[in-house]
Amino acid sequence: MNHIKWVFVMYAVLAAASIMGIGVAIGLQSIAGIFGSIIALVLVMGFGFKTKAKMRANGEL
């Protein structure tokens, strides 16, 4: 049985929250909120992929 990688769960929750933030910002018609949420999503996804590549290189995955 595989162990849960909690760091990836955290990245997934943060990415989902950023996507929800985009929807909320669209509903509020907030251009700053839309761009802020998109930037947050890109950063979270980038850190997630970077962490996965680092763990894969170290043989932890």
PDB file of N, CA and C in Angstrom:
ATOM      1  N   MET A   1       0.842  -1.180   0.000  1.00  0.00           N
ATOM      2  CA  MET A   1       0.000   0.000   0.000  1.00  0.00           C
ATOM      3  C   MET A   1       0.886   1.242   0.000  1.00  0.00           C
ATOM      4  N   ASN A   2       0.546   2.193  -0.854  1.00  0.00           N
ATOM      5  CA  ASN A   2       1.344   3.408  -0.955  1.00  0.00           C
ATOM      6  C   ASN A   2       1.018   4.364   0.181  1.00  0.00           C
ATOM      7  N   HIS A   3       2.045   5.100   0.603  1.00  0.00           N
ATOM      8  CA  HIS A   3       1.840   6.098   1.646  1.00  0.00           C
ATOM      9  C   HIS A   3       1.357   7.401   1.024  1.00  0.00           C
ATOM     10  N   ILE A   4       0.583   8.140   1.776  1.00  0.00           N
ATOM     11  CA  ILE A   4       0.077   9.420   1.295  1.00  0.00           C
ATOM     12  C   ILE A   4       1.190  10.453   1.391  1.00  0.00           C
ATOM     13  N   LYS A   5       1.408  11.164   0.325  1.00  0.00           N
ATOM     14  CA  LYS A   5       2.365  12.275   0.312  1.00  0.00           C
ATOM     15  C   LYS A   5       1.580  13.535   0.656  1.00  0.00           C
ATOM     16  N   TRP A   6       1.622  13.942   1.914  1.00  0.00           N
ATOM     17  CA  TRP A   6       0.795  15.035   2.398  1.00  0.00           C
ATOM     18  C   TRP A   6       1.121  16.359   1.723  1.00  0.00           C
ATOM     19  N   VAL A   7       2.354  16.529   1.296  1.00  0.00           N
ATOM     20  CA  VAL A   7       2.721  17.775   0.619  1.00  0.00           C
ATOM     21  C   VAL A   7       1.946  17.917  -0.684  1.00  0.00           C
ATOM     22  N   PHE A   8       1.708  16.820  -1.382  1.00  0.00           N
ATOM     23  CA  PHE A   8       0.944  16.876  -2.630  1.00  0.00           C
ATOM     24  C   PHE A   8      -0.538  17.102  -2.362  1.00  0.00           C
ATOM     25  N   VAL A   9      -1.041  16.591  -1.251  1.00  0.00           N
ATOM     26  CA  VAL A   9      -2.422  16.865  -0.864  1.00  0.00           C
ATOM     27  C   VAL A   9      -2.584  18.361  -0.598  1.00  0.00           C
ATOM     28  N   MET A  10      -1.590  18.951   0.080  1.00  0.00           N
ATOM     29  CA  MET A  10      -1.633  20.383   0.365  1.00  0.00           C
ATOM     30  C   MET A  10      -1.622  21.197  -0.932  1.00  0.00           C
ATOM     31  N   TYR A  11      -0.743  20.830  -1.869  1.00  0.00           N
ATOM     32  CA  TYR A  11      -0.695  21.537  -3.147  1.00  0.00           C
ATOM     33  C   TYR A  11      -2.020  21.408  -3.901  1.00  0.00           C
ATOM     34  N   ALA A  12      -2.628  20.240  -3.856  1.00  0.00           N
ATOM     35  CA  ALA A  12      -3.894  20.024  -4.551  1.00  0.00           C
ATOM     36  C   ALA A  12      -5.016  20.871  -3.936  1.00  0.00           C
ATOM     37  N   VAL A  13      -5.053  20.941  -2.612  1.00  0.00           N
ATOM     38  CA  VAL A  13      -6.072  21.746  -1.939  1.00  0.00           C
ATOM     39  C   VAL A  13      -5.867  23.228  -2.253  1.00  0.00           C
ATOM     40  N   LEU A  14      -4.622  23.685  -2.229  1.00  0.00           N
ATOM     41  CA  LEU A  14      -4.339  25.088  -2.542  1.00  0.00           C
ATOM     42  C   LEU A  14      -4.683  25.421  -3.992  1.00  0.00           C
ATOM     43  N   ALA A  15      -4.404  24.496  -4.902  1.00  0.00           N
ATOM     44  CA  ALA A  15      -4.746  24.725  -6.310  1.00  0.00           C
ATOM     45  C   ALA A  15      -6.263  24.778  -6.486  1.00  0.00           C
ATOM     46  N   ALA A  16      -6.979  23.885  -5.819  1.00  0.00           N
ATOM     47  CA  ALA A  16      -8.440  23.902  -5.904  1.00  0.00           C
ATOM     48  C   ALA A  16      -9.002  25.196  -5.313  1.00  0.00           C
ATOM     49  N   ALA A  17      -8.406  25.665  -4.222  1.00  0.00           N
ATOM     50  CA  ALA A  17      -8.849  26.924  -3.623  1.00  0.00           C
ATOM     51  C   ALA A  17      -8.586  28.097  -4.570  1.00  0.00           C
ATOM     52  N   SER A  18      -7.483  28.049  -5.280  1.00  0.00           N
ATOM     53  CA  SER A  18      -7.178  29.113  -6.244  1.00  0.00           C
ATOM     54  C   SER A  18      -8.182  29.099  -7.391  1.00  0.00           C
ATOM     55  N   ILE A  19      -8.561  27.914  -7.850  1.00  0.00           N
ATOM     56  CA  ILE A  19      -9.553  27.816  -8.919  1.00  0.00           C
ATOM     57  C   ILE A  19     -10.907  28.342  -8.421  1.00  0.00           C
ATOM     58  N   MET A  20     -11.249  28.010  -7.185  1.00  0.00           N
ATOM     59  CA  MET A  20     -12.494  28.541  -6.624  1.00  0.00           C
ATOM     60  C   MET A  20     -12.411  30.059  -6.482  1.00  0.00           C
ATOM     61  N   GLY A  21     -11.240  30.555  -6.136  1.00  0.00           N
ATOM     62  CA  GLY A  21     -11.041  31.999  -6.031  1.00  0.00           C
ATOM     63  C   GLY A  21     -11.265  32.705  -7.355  1.00  0.00           C
ATOM     64  N   ILE A  22     -10.876  32.059  -8.436  1.00  0.00           N
ATOM     65  CA  ILE A  22     -11.128  32.631  -9.763  1.00  0.00           C
ATOM     66  C   ILE A  22     -12.626  32.752  -9.987  1.00  0.00           C
ATOM     67  N   GLY A  23     -13.362  31.712  -9.656  1.00  0.00           N
ATOM     68  CA  GLY A  23     -14.816  31.741  -9.831  1.00  0.00           C
ATOM     69  C   GLY A  23     -15.477  32.804  -8.977  1.00  0.00           C
ATOM     70  N   VAL A  24     -15.042  32.923  -7.735  1.00  0.00           N
ATOM     71  CA  VAL A  24     -15.605  33.938  -6.849  1.00  0.00           C
ATOM     72  C   VAL A  24     -15.280  35.336  -7.365  1.00  0.00           C
ATOM     73  N   ALA A  25     -14.048  35.533  -7.814  1.00  0.00           N
ATOM     74  CA  ALA A  25     -13.649  36.843  -8.338  1.00  0.00           C
ATOM     75  C   ALA A  25     -14.437  37.202  -9.601  1.00  0.00           C
ATOM     76  N   ILE A  26     -14.711  36.208 -10.431  1.00  0.00           N
ATOM     77  CA  ILE A  26     -15.540  36.467 -11.614  1.00  0.00           C
ATOM     78  C   ILE A  26     -16.944  36.883 -11.178  1.00  0.00           C
ATOM     79  N   GLY A  27     -17.485  36.186 -10.181  1.00  0.00           N
ATOM     80  CA  GLY A  27     -18.809  36.526  -9.675  1.00  0.00           C
ATOM     81  C   GLY A  27     -18.861  37.923  -9.084  1.00  0.00           C
ATOM     82  N   LEU A  28     -17.775  38.341  -8.450  1.00  0.00           N
ATOM     83  CA  LEU A  28     -17.709  39.679  -7.861  1.00  0.00           C
ATOM     84  C   LEU A  28     -17.251  40.733  -8.861  1.00  0.00           C
ATOM     85  N   GLN A  29     -16.913  40.302 -10.060  1.00  0.00           N
ATOM     86  CA  GLN A  29     -16.411  41.175 -11.119  1.00  0.00           C
ATOM     87  C   GLN A  29     -15.167  41.935 -10.668  1.00  0.00           C
ATOM     88  N   SER A  30     -14.254  41.219 -10.027  1.00  0.00           N
ATOM     89  CA  SER A  30     -13.020  41.804  -9.522  1.00  0.00           C
ATOM     90  C   SER A  30     -11.856  41.375 -10.415  1.00  0.00           C
ATOM     91  N   ILE A  31     -11.375  42.311 -11.213  1.00  0.00           N
ATOM     92  CA  ILE A  31     -10.259  42.017 -12.109  1.00  0.00           C
ATOM     93  C   ILE A  31      -9.005  41.675 -11.304  1.00  0.00           C
ATOM     94  N   ALA A  32      -8.754  42.429 -10.232  1.00  0.00           N
ATOM     95  CA  ALA A  32      -7.575  42.167  -9.392  1.00  0.00           C
ATOM     96  C   ALA A  32      -7.665  40.774  -8.760  1.00  0.00           C
ATOM     97  N   GLY A  33      -8.860  40.390  -8.313  1.00  0.00           N
ATOM     98  CA  GLY A  33      -9.046  39.067  -7.719  1.00  0.00           C
ATOM     99  C   GLY A  33      -8.835  37.957  -8.723  1.00  0.00           C
ATOM    100  N   ILE A  34      -9.283  38.175  -9.951  1.00  0.00           N
ATOM    101  CA  ILE A  34      -9.104  37.173 -11.001  1.00  0.00           C
ATOM    102  C   ILE A  34      -7.615  36.963 -11.272  1.00  0.00           C
ATOM    103  N   PHE A  35      -6.899  38.077 -11.484  1.00  0.00           N
ATOM    104  CA  PHE A  35      -5.469  37.956 -11.771  1.00  0.00           C
ATOM    105  C   PHE A  35      -4.690  37.426 -10.576  1.00  0.00           C
ATOM    106  N   GLY A  36      -5.073  37.837  -9.372  1.00  0.00           N
ATOM    107  CA  GLY A  36      -4.404  37.319  -8.173  1.00  0.00           C
ATOM    108  C   GLY A  36      -4.589  35.822  -8.020  1.00  0.00           C
ATOM    109  N   SER A  37      -5.797  35.351  -8.281  1.00  0.00           N
ATOM    110  CA  SER A  37      -6.069  33.915  -8.170  1.00  0.00           C
ATOM    111  C   SER A  37      -5.352  33.124  -9.257  1.00  0.00           C
ATOM    112  N   ILE A  38      -5.274  33.689 -10.452  1.00  0.00           N
ATOM    113  CA  ILE A  38      -4.547  33.007 -11.532  1.00  0.00           C
ATOM    114  C   ILE A  38      -3.062  32.915 -11.196  1.00  0.00           C
ATOM    115  N   ILE A  39      -2.503  34.000 -10.673  1.00  0.00           N
ATOM    116  CA  ILE A  39      -1.087  33.992 -10.293  1.00  0.00           C
ATOM    117  C   ILE A  39      -0.853  32.981  -9.176  1.00  0.00           C
ATOM    118  N   ALA A  40      -1.762  32.949  -8.184  1.00  0.00           N
ATOM    119  CA  ALA A  40      -1.634  31.974  -7.099  1.00  0.00           C
ATOM    120  C   ALA A  40      -1.701  30.551  -7.634  1.00  0.00           C
ATOM    121  N   LEU A  41      -2.597  30.300  -8.591  1.00  0.00           N
ATOM    122  CA  LEU A  41      -2.717  28.967  -9.175  1.00  0.00           C
ATOM    123  C   LEU A  41      -1.441  28.559  -9.901  1.00  0.00           C
ATOM    124  N   VAL A  42      -0.895  29.466 -10.681  1.00  0.00           N
ATOM    125  CA  VAL A  42       0.342  29.163 -11.419  1.00  0.00           C
ATOM    126  C   VAL A  42       1.484  28.881 -10.446  1.00  0.00           C
ATOM    127  N   LEU A  43       1.585  29.680  -9.379  1.00  0.00           N
ATOM    128  CA  LEU A  43       2.652  29.464  -8.398  1.00  0.00           C
ATOM    129  C   LEU A  43       2.498  28.123  -7.677  1.00  0.00           C
ATOM    130  N   VAL A  44       1.288  27.824  -7.240  1.00  0.00           N
ATOM    131  CA  VAL A  44       1.054  26.566  -6.518  1.00  0.00           C
ATOM    132  C   VAL A  44       1.338  25.371  -7.422  1.00  0.00           C
ATOM    133  N   MET A  45       0.844  25.416  -8.654  1.00  0.00           N
ATOM    134  CA  MET A  45       1.088  24.310  -9.582  1.00  0.00           C
ATOM    135  C   MET A  45       2.576  24.190  -9.890  1.00  0.00           C
ATOM    136  N   GLY A  46       3.246  25.321 -10.048  1.00  0.00           N
ATOM    137  CA  GLY A  46       4.680  25.292 -10.311  1.00  0.00           C
ATOM    138  C   GLY A  46       5.462  24.669  -9.164  1.00  0.00           C
ATOM    139  N   PHE A  47       5.132  25.080  -7.931  1.00  0.00           N
ATOM    140  CA  PHE A  47       5.803  24.488  -6.776  1.00  0.00           C
ATOM    141  C   PHE A  47       5.503  22.994  -6.672  1.00  0.00           C
ATOM    142  N   GLY A  48       4.285  22.599  -7.006  1.00  0.00           N
ATOM    143  CA  GLY A  48       3.933  21.179  -6.967  1.00  0.00           C
ATOM    144  C   GLY A  48       4.744  20.363  -7.961  1.00  0.00           C
ATOM    145  N   PHE A  49       4.829  20.855  -9.198  1.00  0.00           N
ATOM    146  CA  PHE A  49       5.611  20.135 -10.202  1.00  0.00           C
ATOM    147  C   PHE A  49       7.094  20.139  -9.861  1.00  0.00           C
ATOM    148  N   LYS A  50       7.580  21.242  -9.304  1.00  0.00           N
ATOM    149  CA  LYS A  50       8.992  21.324  -8.914  1.00  0.00           C
ATOM    150  C   LYS A  50       9.297  20.332  -7.788  1.00  0.00           C
ATOM    151  N   THR A  51       8.392  20.258  -6.816  1.00  0.00           N
ATOM    152  CA  THR A  51       8.569  19.313  -5.711  1.00  0.00           C
ATOM    153  C   THR A  51       8.533  17.878  -6.211  1.00  0.00           C
ATOM    154  N   LYS A  52       7.620  17.584  -7.129  1.00  0.00           N
ATOM    155  CA  LYS A  52       7.523  16.225  -7.672  1.00  0.00           C
ATOM    156  C   LYS A  52       8.792  15.854  -8.428  1.00  0.00           C
ATOM    157  N   ALA A  53       9.329  16.787  -9.223  1.00  0.00           N
ATOM    158  CA  ALA A  53      10.564  16.505  -9.964  1.00  0.00           C
ATOM    159  C   ALA A  53      11.724  16.279  -9.021  1.00  0.00           C
ATOM    160  N   LYS A  54      11.799  17.076  -7.953  1.00  0.00           N
ATOM    161  CA  LYS A  54      12.884  16.925  -6.980  1.00  0.00           C
ATOM    162  C   LYS A  54      12.785  15.588  -6.258  1.00  0.00           C
ATOM    163  N   MET A  55      11.573  15.201  -5.862  1.00  0.00           N
ATOM    164  CA  MET A  55      11.386  13.934  -5.162  1.00  0.00           C
ATOM    165  C   MET A  55      11.671  12.750  -6.096  1.00  0.00           C
ATOM    166  N   ARG A  56      11.293  12.889  -7.358  1.00  0.00           N
ATOM    167  CA  ARG A  56      11.559  11.836  -8.313  1.00  0.00           C
ATOM    168  C   ARG A  56      13.067  11.672  -8.540  1.00  0.00           C
ATOM    169  N   ALA A  57      13.788  12.795  -8.599  1.00  0.00           N
ATOM    170  CA  ALA A  57      15.246  12.745  -8.792  1.00  0.00           C
ATOM    171  C   ALA A  57      15.946  12.119  -7.589  1.00  0.00           C
ATOM    172  N   ASN A  58      15.385  12.319  -6.386  1.00  0.00           N
ATOM    173  CA  ASN A  58      15.960  11.742  -5.180  1.00  0.00           C
ATOM    174  C   ASN A  58      15.492  10.312  -4.925  1.00  0.00           C
ATOM    175  N   GLY A  59      14.626   9.793  -5.788  1.00  0.00           N
ATOM    176  CA  GLY A  59      14.137   8.429  -5.625  1.00  0.00           C
ATOM    177  C   GLY A  59      13.104   8.266  -4.534  1.00  0.00           C
ATOM    178  N   GLU A  60      12.442   9.352  -4.148  1.00  0.00           N
ATOM    179  CA  GLU A  60      11.450   9.289  -3.073  1.00  0.00           C
ATOM    180  C   GLU A  60      10.061   8.963  -3.592  1.00  0.00           C
ATOM    181  N   LEU A  61       9.868   8.948  -4.911  1.00  0.00           N
ATOM    182  CA  LEU A  61       8.557   8.614  -5.465  1.00  0.00           C
ATOM    183  C   LEU A  61       8.582   7.228  -6.064  1.00  0.00           C
TER     184      LEU A  61
END
